[in-house]
Amino acid sequence: MEHIEESVTKLVQPIVEANGCYLVDVCYEKKHASAVLTVFIDKEGGVTLNDCEKVHMAIDEPLDVLNPTNDQPYTLNVSSPGLDRPFKKEQDFQRALGKQVEVHLYKQVQKKKLLVGTLISFTPESITILVNNKEMVIEKTIISKVTNYIEF
C-alpha cells in the first residue's frame, strides 16, 4: 500500500498545487470488500467543498492513466484533513509555528502525558513549545502525536 500512496503522491502533488491547495496526505485503505483512496488537501483559510470537487476532477483522469491499484477498483475521495489531524510532515510544523498545539506523549514529562503550548521551533529530532512562559524541548521519540489545539 505504501507504493500506491507514494506513486499517487508524486502524481497529484503538482496538480493539487496548481489548483491553489497543498497536499497534506494520501491514504489508501482496504475496507471490507472495497478500497478507498483518499487525497487530503488544505490551503490557508481552509478548503471548501468546491476546492475538493475541483481537485477531484483534476486528478481523476491522471489517476486512471497511472492505474495505481493495477485495475483493482477503488473509491476516490478528496477531503480536508480536519482540524485535529496529527502533524506528519515538516510543512505541518512550519504552518503551526507561533500557534497553540497539543503534544501527546508516550511517557510523562512534568507528570503529564498531554502538553498544550505555543510551538516556537522544531527540528527533525525535537520540538520546542512555550508553556506558562517556559520553553520546553521535547524529543520526538517520546511524542505520540502533535495536533492543533482546538479551544471550545
Protein backbone atom coordinates (compact mmCIF):
# COMPACT_ATOMS: atom_id res chain seq x y z
CA MET A 1 0.00 0.00 0.00
CA GLU A 2 2.92 2.32 0.65
CA HIS A 3 3.88 2.03 -3.03
CA ILE A 4 0.37 3.13 -4.02
CA GLU A 5 0.47 6.11 -1.66
CA GLU A 6 3.94 7.14 -2.87
CA SER A 7 3.11 6.94 -6.58
CA VAL A 8 -0.18 8.80 -6.10
CA THR A 9 1.57 11.49 -4.04
CA LYS A 10 4.11 12.11 -6.80
CA LEU A 11 1.38 12.32 -9.41
CA VAL A 12 -1.17 14.51 -7.63
CA GLN A 13 1.03 16.95 -5.68
CA PRO A 14 1.69 19.31 -8.62
CA ILE A 15 -1.95 19.06 -9.70
CA VAL A 16 -3.18 19.93 -6.20
CA GLU A 17 -0.78 22.89 -6.04
CA ALA A 18 -1.88 24.09 -9.50
CA ASN A 19 -5.40 24.26 -8.06
CA GLY A 20 -4.37 26.58 -5.22
CA CYS A 21 -4.08 23.99 -2.45
CA TYR A 22 -1.35 21.88 -0.90
CA LEU A 23 -1.23 18.14 -0.47
CA VAL A 24 -1.44 17.03 3.14
CA ASP A 25 -1.51 13.26 2.76
CA VAL A 26 -2.57 10.32 0.62
CA CYS A 27 -4.16 7.30 2.27
CA TYR A 28 -5.07 4.01 0.62
CA GLU A 29 -7.18 1.68 2.76
CA LYS A 30 -8.93 -1.58 2.07
CA LYS A 31 -12.20 -1.73 3.97
CA HIS A 32 -14.18 -4.96 3.86
CA ALA A 33 -14.68 -5.77 0.17
CA SER A 34 -13.77 -2.33 -1.18
CA ALA A 35 -10.81 0.04 -1.25
CA VAL A 36 -10.68 3.80 -0.69
CA LEU A 37 -8.02 6.20 -1.93
CA THR A 38 -8.24 9.48 -0.04
CA VAL A 39 -6.30 12.60 -1.03
CA PHE A 40 -6.20 15.12 1.81
CA ILE A 41 -5.77 18.77 0.76
CA ASP A 42 -5.68 22.09 2.56
CA LYS A 43 -4.98 25.76 1.96
CA GLU A 44 -4.66 28.90 4.03
CA GLY A 45 -8.08 29.67 5.44
CA GLY A 46 -9.24 26.09 4.88
CA VAL A 47 -10.64 24.21 1.93
CA THR A 48 -14.21 24.30 0.71
CA LEU A 49 -16.36 21.67 -0.91
CA ASN A 50 -15.71 23.44 -4.23
CA ASP A 51 -11.93 23.08 -3.71
CA CYS A 52 -12.33 19.36 -3.08
CA GLU A 53 -14.54 18.93 -6.14
CA LYS A 54 -12.13 20.91 -8.36
CA VAL A 55 -9.12 18.84 -7.25
CA HIS A 56 -11.10 15.60 -7.57
CA MET A 57 -11.96 16.42 -11.18
CA ALA A 58 -8.35 17.44 -11.92
CA ILE A 59 -6.77 14.24 -10.57
CA ASP A 60 -9.37 11.70 -11.68
CA GLU A 61 -8.14 11.17 -15.25
CA PRO A 62 -4.39 11.22 -14.43
CA LEU A 63 -5.06 8.59 -11.75
CA ASP A 64 -6.86 6.43 -14.32
CA VAL A 65 -3.75 6.62 -16.52
CA LEU A 66 -1.40 5.88 -13.58
CA ASN A 67 -3.57 2.91 -12.53
CA PRO A 68 -2.02 2.77 -9.03
CA THR A 69 -4.07 -0.26 -7.95
CA ASN A 70 -3.39 -2.41 -11.02
CA ASP A 71 -7.02 -2.44 -12.15
CA GLN A 72 -8.39 -3.15 -8.67
CA PRO A 73 -11.48 -0.97 -8.08
CA TYR A 74 -11.35 1.81 -5.50
CA THR A 75 -13.32 4.86 -4.46
CA LEU A 76 -11.53 8.20 -4.81
CA ASN A 77 -12.13 10.79 -2.10
CA VAL A 78 -10.68 14.29 -1.88
CA SER A 79 -11.07 15.71 1.58
CA SER A 80 -9.99 18.30 4.11
CA PRO A 81 -7.73 16.74 6.72
CA GLY A 82 -9.73 18.11 9.65
CA LEU A 83 -8.52 20.39 12.40
CA ASP A 84 -7.48 17.60 14.74
CA ARG A 85 -5.30 15.58 12.39
CA PRO A 86 -1.82 14.69 13.63
CA PHE A 87 1.15 16.53 12.15
CA LYS A 88 3.07 14.28 9.78
CA LYS A 89 5.26 16.49 7.65
CA GLU A 90 7.66 19.34 8.18
CA GLN A 91 5.10 21.60 6.48
CA ASP A 92 2.60 20.83 9.25
CA PHE A 93 5.03 22.04 11.90
CA GLN A 94 6.01 25.05 9.78
CA ARG A 95 2.40 26.18 9.46
CA ALA A 96 1.86 25.77 13.22
CA LEU A 97 4.80 27.95 14.30
CA GLY A 98 3.55 30.58 16.74
CA LYS A 99 0.27 28.73 17.28
CA GLN A 100 -1.08 26.62 20.12
CA VAL A 101 -0.52 22.87 19.75
CA GLU A 102 -1.36 19.75 21.74
CA VAL A 103 1.55 17.39 22.30
CA HIS A 104 0.57 13.82 23.23
CA LEU A 105 3.39 11.86 24.87
CA TYR A 106 4.26 8.18 25.27
CA LYS A 107 5.70 8.89 28.72
CA GLN A 108 5.15 11.61 31.27
CA VAL A 109 7.01 14.90 31.23
CA GLN A 110 6.45 17.01 34.34
CA LYS A 111 3.84 14.42 35.41
CA LYS A 112 1.79 14.96 32.23
CA LYS A 113 1.23 12.96 29.05
CA LEU A 114 -0.55 15.86 27.32
CA LEU A 115 1.00 19.30 26.97
CA VAL A 116 -0.53 22.40 25.42
CA GLY A 117 1.74 25.23 24.38
CA THR A 118 2.87 27.54 21.61
CA LEU A 119 5.11 25.89 19.03
CA ILE A 120 8.20 28.07 18.78
CA SER A 121 10.60 25.82 16.86
CA PHE A 122 11.21 22.29 15.60
CA THR A 123 13.99 20.11 14.25
CA PRO A 124 13.89 16.57 12.88
CA GLU A 125 14.66 15.35 16.42
CA SER A 126 12.61 17.64 18.69
CA ILE A 127 10.06 20.40 19.08
CA THR A 128 10.16 23.42 21.37
CA ILE A 129 6.97 24.74 22.90
CA LEU A 130 6.27 27.60 25.25
CA VAL A 131 4.23 26.51 28.28
CA ASN A 132 3.50 29.02 31.05
CA ASN A 133 6.28 31.31 29.78
CA LYS A 134 8.83 28.46 29.93
CA GLU A 135 10.43 26.84 26.91
CA MET A 136 10.21 23.05 26.79
CA VAL A 137 12.26 21.00 24.35
CA ILE A 138 10.60 17.65 23.72
CA GLU A 139 12.33 14.84 21.86
CA LYS A 140 10.18 13.42 19.05
CA THR A 141 10.95 9.87 20.23
CA ILE A 142 8.59 10.37 23.19
CA ILE A 143 5.86 12.15 21.19
CA SER A 144 2.91 10.04 20.06
CA LYS A 145 1.30 12.89 18.12
CA VAL A 146 1.14 16.66 17.75
CA THR A 147 -2.09 18.36 16.70
CA ASN A 148 -3.51 21.86 16.51
CA TYR A 149 -5.02 22.95 19.81
CA ILE A 150 -8.74 23.39 19.47
CA GLU A 151 -10.35 25.59 22.08
CA PHE A 152 -14.06 25.09 22.71
